[in-house]
Amino acid sequence: PCPLCCPQLEGLCSFLQLSTCPEHLLVRFCGWLLALTPDLSYTSAAVLAEQLFLKRVLSLTQPPSRHLMAALASFCSKYSQPFCRVLVAAVLQEPREGAEQTKLVCELVEECLEPDSVRLVLSQVLELPLSEKLLPVVQAVLGRQVRGPLLFPPPQEVLPPELFDLLVLTLCRQAPAFATSLNYARLVTAVLTTYQSQVS
């Protein structure tokens, strides 16, 4: 059996020092992962998302290199659900502001993630108290509803009614906390523009 499917996967990643390997090698490794047959299990993909990317992303203090972005985009193209459950969730829950991390999540939402994963990101955001850090992520999700993704140019994406209702309810309930927030005002304007027929 493929060693990437066995319980010793974390130990293998540690032995290969994947969390600290040079980023140009990370791109090559992700290319190899995508070529594996059969596909990785959800659990194995989640372990790899953590081992390959979590430490790198959480430690960003400047925009990610083109190699790191290429590796992230490559991995997301096939394993976006476990990627979101592990890495995006960790970024969203990080108590620090994390400007570079937030920008990275927005870029992945706008350019790389599949529609189901974009909706997953929004549901993850709405499970948390809204903050200035999270508002741009919601804005990026709404941007996908208007123009679709850059790497997946299909028809316009639509939020499920239950997720849209939760978004509107969250925005209404937390409005007093954002009375002076320009980002919040932009977000509400985007909701009203994108879903004007559904908002009274």
Protein backbone atom coordinates (compact mmCIF):
# COMPACT_ATOMS: atom_id res chain seq x y z
CA PRO A 1 0.00 0.00 0.00
CA CYS A 2 0.98 3.61 -0.54
CA PRO A 3 2.85 4.93 2.55
CA LEU A 4 0.84 8.16 2.34
CA CYS A 5 -2.27 6.22 3.34
CA CYS A 6 -0.85 4.63 6.48
CA PRO A 7 -1.10 5.81 10.11
CA GLN A 8 2.58 6.72 10.13
CA LEU A 9 2.05 9.62 7.71
CA GLU A 10 2.87 12.33 10.26
CA GLY A 11 6.08 10.53 11.17
CA LEU A 12 6.99 10.26 7.50
CA CYS A 13 6.40 13.98 7.01
CA SER A 14 8.60 14.72 10.01
CA PHE A 15 11.33 12.40 8.75
CA LEU A 16 11.28 14.10 5.35
CA GLN A 17 11.18 17.55 7.05
CA LEU A 18 8.35 18.60 4.75
CA SER A 19 7.28 21.49 7.00
CA THR A 20 10.63 23.20 6.42
CA CYS A 21 11.71 21.97 2.99
CA PRO A 22 12.63 24.64 0.39
CA GLU A 23 9.54 26.04 -1.28
CA HIS A 24 10.62 25.17 -4.81
CA LEU A 25 10.78 21.53 -3.70
CA LEU A 26 7.36 21.92 -2.11
CA VAL A 27 5.93 22.75 -5.56
CA ARG A 28 7.46 19.58 -7.00
CA PHE A 29 6.20 17.48 -4.09
CA CYS A 30 2.65 18.79 -4.55
CA GLY A 31 2.85 17.98 -8.25
CA TRP A 32 3.80 14.44 -7.32
CA LEU A 33 0.88 14.24 -4.86
CA LEU A 34 -1.58 15.24 -7.55
CA ALA A 35 -0.31 12.48 -9.81
CA LEU A 36 -0.86 9.73 -7.22
CA THR A 37 -3.48 7.08 -7.93
CA PRO A 38 -5.71 6.38 -6.20
CA ASP A 39 -6.32 9.80 -4.68
CA LEU A 40 -5.32 10.41 -1.09
CA SER A 41 -7.95 9.80 1.56
CA TYR A 42 -9.54 12.83 3.22
CA THR A 43 -7.59 12.13 6.43
CA SER A 44 -4.26 11.79 4.63
CA ALA A 45 -4.86 14.99 2.67
CA ALA A 46 -5.71 16.82 5.91
CA VAL A 47 -2.50 15.60 7.55
CA LEU A 48 -0.48 16.74 4.54
CA ALA A 49 -2.21 20.13 4.45
CA GLU A 50 -1.13 20.64 8.05
CA GLN A 51 2.40 19.31 7.61
CA LEU A 52 3.14 21.08 4.34
CA PHE A 53 1.52 24.46 4.85
CA LEU A 54 0.24 25.33 8.31
CA LYS A 55 3.53 26.41 9.90
CA ARG A 56 4.56 28.33 6.78
CA VAL A 57 1.26 30.19 6.46
CA LEU A 58 0.87 31.09 10.14
CA SER A 59 4.40 32.50 10.21
CA LEU A 60 3.97 34.76 7.16
CA THR A 61 4.99 38.38 7.78
CA GLN A 62 5.06 39.35 4.10
CA PRO A 63 3.27 38.14 0.97
CA PRO A 64 3.93 34.46 0.17
CA SER A 65 6.51 33.64 -2.46
CA ARG A 66 5.40 32.55 -5.92
CA HIS A 67 6.61 29.04 -5.09
CA LEU A 68 4.45 28.84 -1.96
CA MET A 69 1.43 30.21 -3.82
CA ALA A 70 1.97 27.70 -6.63
CA ALA A 71 2.14 24.84 -4.11
CA LEU A 72 -0.99 26.04 -2.31
CA ALA A 73 -2.92 26.43 -5.56
CA SER A 74 -1.78 23.00 -6.72
CA PHE A 75 -2.84 21.28 -3.51
CA CYS A 76 -6.17 23.17 -3.41
CA SER A 77 -7.01 22.11 -6.93
CA LYS A 78 -7.54 18.54 -5.75
CA TYR A 79 -7.86 18.56 -1.97
CA SER A 80 -9.59 21.83 -1.17
CA GLN A 81 -12.04 20.45 1.42
CA PRO A 82 -9.42 19.00 3.81
CA PHE A 83 -7.24 22.04 3.10
CA CYS A 84 -10.04 24.37 4.25
CA ARG A 85 -10.85 22.25 7.29
CA VAL A 86 -7.23 22.34 8.45
CA LEU A 87 -5.42 25.41 7.20
CA VAL A 88 -8.15 27.96 6.48
CA ALA A 89 -9.87 27.12 9.77
CA ALA A 90 -6.61 27.68 11.66
CA VAL A 91 -6.08 31.06 9.99
CA LEU A 92 -9.64 32.19 10.71
CA GLN A 93 -9.40 31.15 14.36
CA GLU A 94 -5.97 32.70 14.92
CA PRO A 95 -6.47 35.43 17.55
CA ARG A 96 -3.83 37.73 16.04
CA GLU A 97 -4.79 40.06 13.22
CA GLY A 98 -2.60 38.26 10.66
CA ALA A 99 -2.90 40.64 7.71
CA GLU A 100 -0.82 38.45 5.38
CA GLN A 101 -2.75 35.33 6.37
CA THR A 102 -6.08 37.04 5.74
CA LYS A 103 -4.91 38.30 2.35
CA LEU A 104 -3.79 34.78 1.48
CA VAL A 105 -7.18 33.27 2.37
CA CYS A 106 -8.91 35.95 0.29
CA GLU A 107 -6.67 35.18 -2.67
CA LEU A 108 -7.36 31.45 -2.38
CA VAL A 109 -11.11 32.12 -2.20
CA GLU A 110 -10.98 34.42 -5.22
CA GLU A 111 -8.70 32.35 -7.42
CA CYS A 112 -8.26 28.73 -6.36
CA LEU A 113 -10.97 27.10 -4.26
CA GLU A 114 -13.85 25.17 -5.79
CA PRO A 115 -17.39 26.47 -5.17
CA ASP A 116 -18.18 23.94 -2.42
CA SER A 117 -15.03 24.94 -0.59
CA VAL A 118 -15.83 28.64 -0.91
CA ARG A 119 -19.16 27.97 0.79
CA LEU A 120 -17.31 25.96 3.45
CA VAL A 121 -15.05 28.94 4.13
CA LEU A 122 -18.08 31.21 4.58
CA SER A 123 -19.72 28.74 6.97
CA GLN A 124 -16.46 28.60 8.95
CA VAL A 125 -16.40 32.41 9.18
CA LEU A 126 -20.01 32.56 10.33
CA GLU A 127 -19.27 30.15 13.17
CA LEU A 128 -16.97 32.80 14.67
CA PRO A 129 -17.67 36.27 16.06
CA LEU A 130 -17.21 38.71 13.18
CA SER A 131 -14.08 40.85 13.32
CA GLU A 132 -12.31 43.29 11.07
CA LYS A 133 -9.97 40.44 10.15
CA LEU A 134 -12.85 38.28 8.87
CA LEU A 135 -14.79 40.93 6.94
CA PRO A 136 -12.47 40.83 3.87
CA VAL A 137 -12.88 37.05 3.69
CA VAL A 138 -16.67 37.40 3.50
CA GLN A 139 -16.18 40.12 0.88
CA ALA A 140 -14.02 37.74 -1.17
CA VAL A 141 -16.73 35.06 -0.98
CA LEU A 142 -19.32 37.54 -2.23
CA GLY A 143 -16.96 38.48 -5.05
CA ARG A 144 -17.08 34.87 -6.19
CA GLN A 145 -20.87 35.09 -6.33
CA VAL A 146 -20.65 38.00 -8.75
CA ARG A 147 -17.96 36.98 -11.22
CA GLY A 148 -17.12 33.36 -10.46
CA PRO A 149 -13.60 32.11 -9.76
CA LEU A 150 -10.60 33.04 -11.88
CA LEU A 151 -9.43 29.44 -12.29
CA PHE A 152 -12.91 27.92 -12.67
CA PRO A 153 -14.85 30.23 -15.00
CA PRO A 154 -18.34 28.57 -14.89
CA PRO A 155 -21.70 30.23 -14.36
CA GLN A 156 -22.36 32.55 -11.47
CA GLU A 157 -22.22 30.83 -8.10
CA VAL A 158 -25.12 31.18 -5.69
CA LEU A 159 -25.13 30.77 -1.92
CA PRO A 160 -27.58 28.19 -0.56
CA PRO A 161 -30.59 29.91 1.07
CA GLU A 162 -29.71 28.69 4.56
CA LEU A 163 -26.15 30.03 4.30
CA PHE A 164 -27.36 33.35 2.88
CA ASP A 165 -29.93 33.70 5.68
CA LEU A 166 -27.23 33.02 8.27
CA LEU A 167 -25.00 35.65 6.67
CA VAL A 168 -27.73 38.30 6.74
CA LEU A 169 -28.69 37.40 10.32
CA THR A 170 -25.05 37.62 11.43
CA LEU A 171 -24.57 40.99 9.75
CA CYS A 172 -27.73 42.36 11.38
CA ARG A 173 -26.93 41.06 14.85
CA GLN A 174 -23.39 42.35 14.88
CA ALA A 175 -24.06 45.70 13.20
CA PRO A 176 -23.68 47.76 16.42
CA ALA A 177 -20.10 46.55 16.83
CA PHE A 178 -19.19 47.87 13.37
CA ALA A 179 -20.89 51.26 13.49
CA THR A 180 -17.71 53.03 12.33
CA SER A 181 -16.25 50.24 10.16
CA LEU A 182 -15.68 51.03 6.49
CA ASN A 183 -15.11 47.34 5.73
CA TYR A 184 -18.47 46.45 7.28
CA ALA A 185 -20.22 49.18 5.25
CA ARG A 186 -18.63 47.84 2.06
CA LEU A 187 -19.68 44.31 2.95
CA VAL A 188 -23.30 45.28 3.58
CA THR A 189 -23.33 47.22 0.30
CA ALA A 190 -21.99 44.15 -1.51
CA VAL A 191 -24.72 41.95 0.02
CA LEU A 192 -27.42 44.43 -0.97
CA THR A 193 -26.02 44.70 -4.48
CA THR A 194 -25.46 41.00 -5.08
CA TYR A 195 -28.71 39.82 -3.50
CA GLN A 196 -30.96 42.83 -3.93
CA SER A 197 -33.97 40.67 -4.90
CA GLN A 198 -33.67 38.63 -1.69
CA VAL A 199 -33.05 41.41 0.84
CA SER A 200 -35.94 43.52 2.07
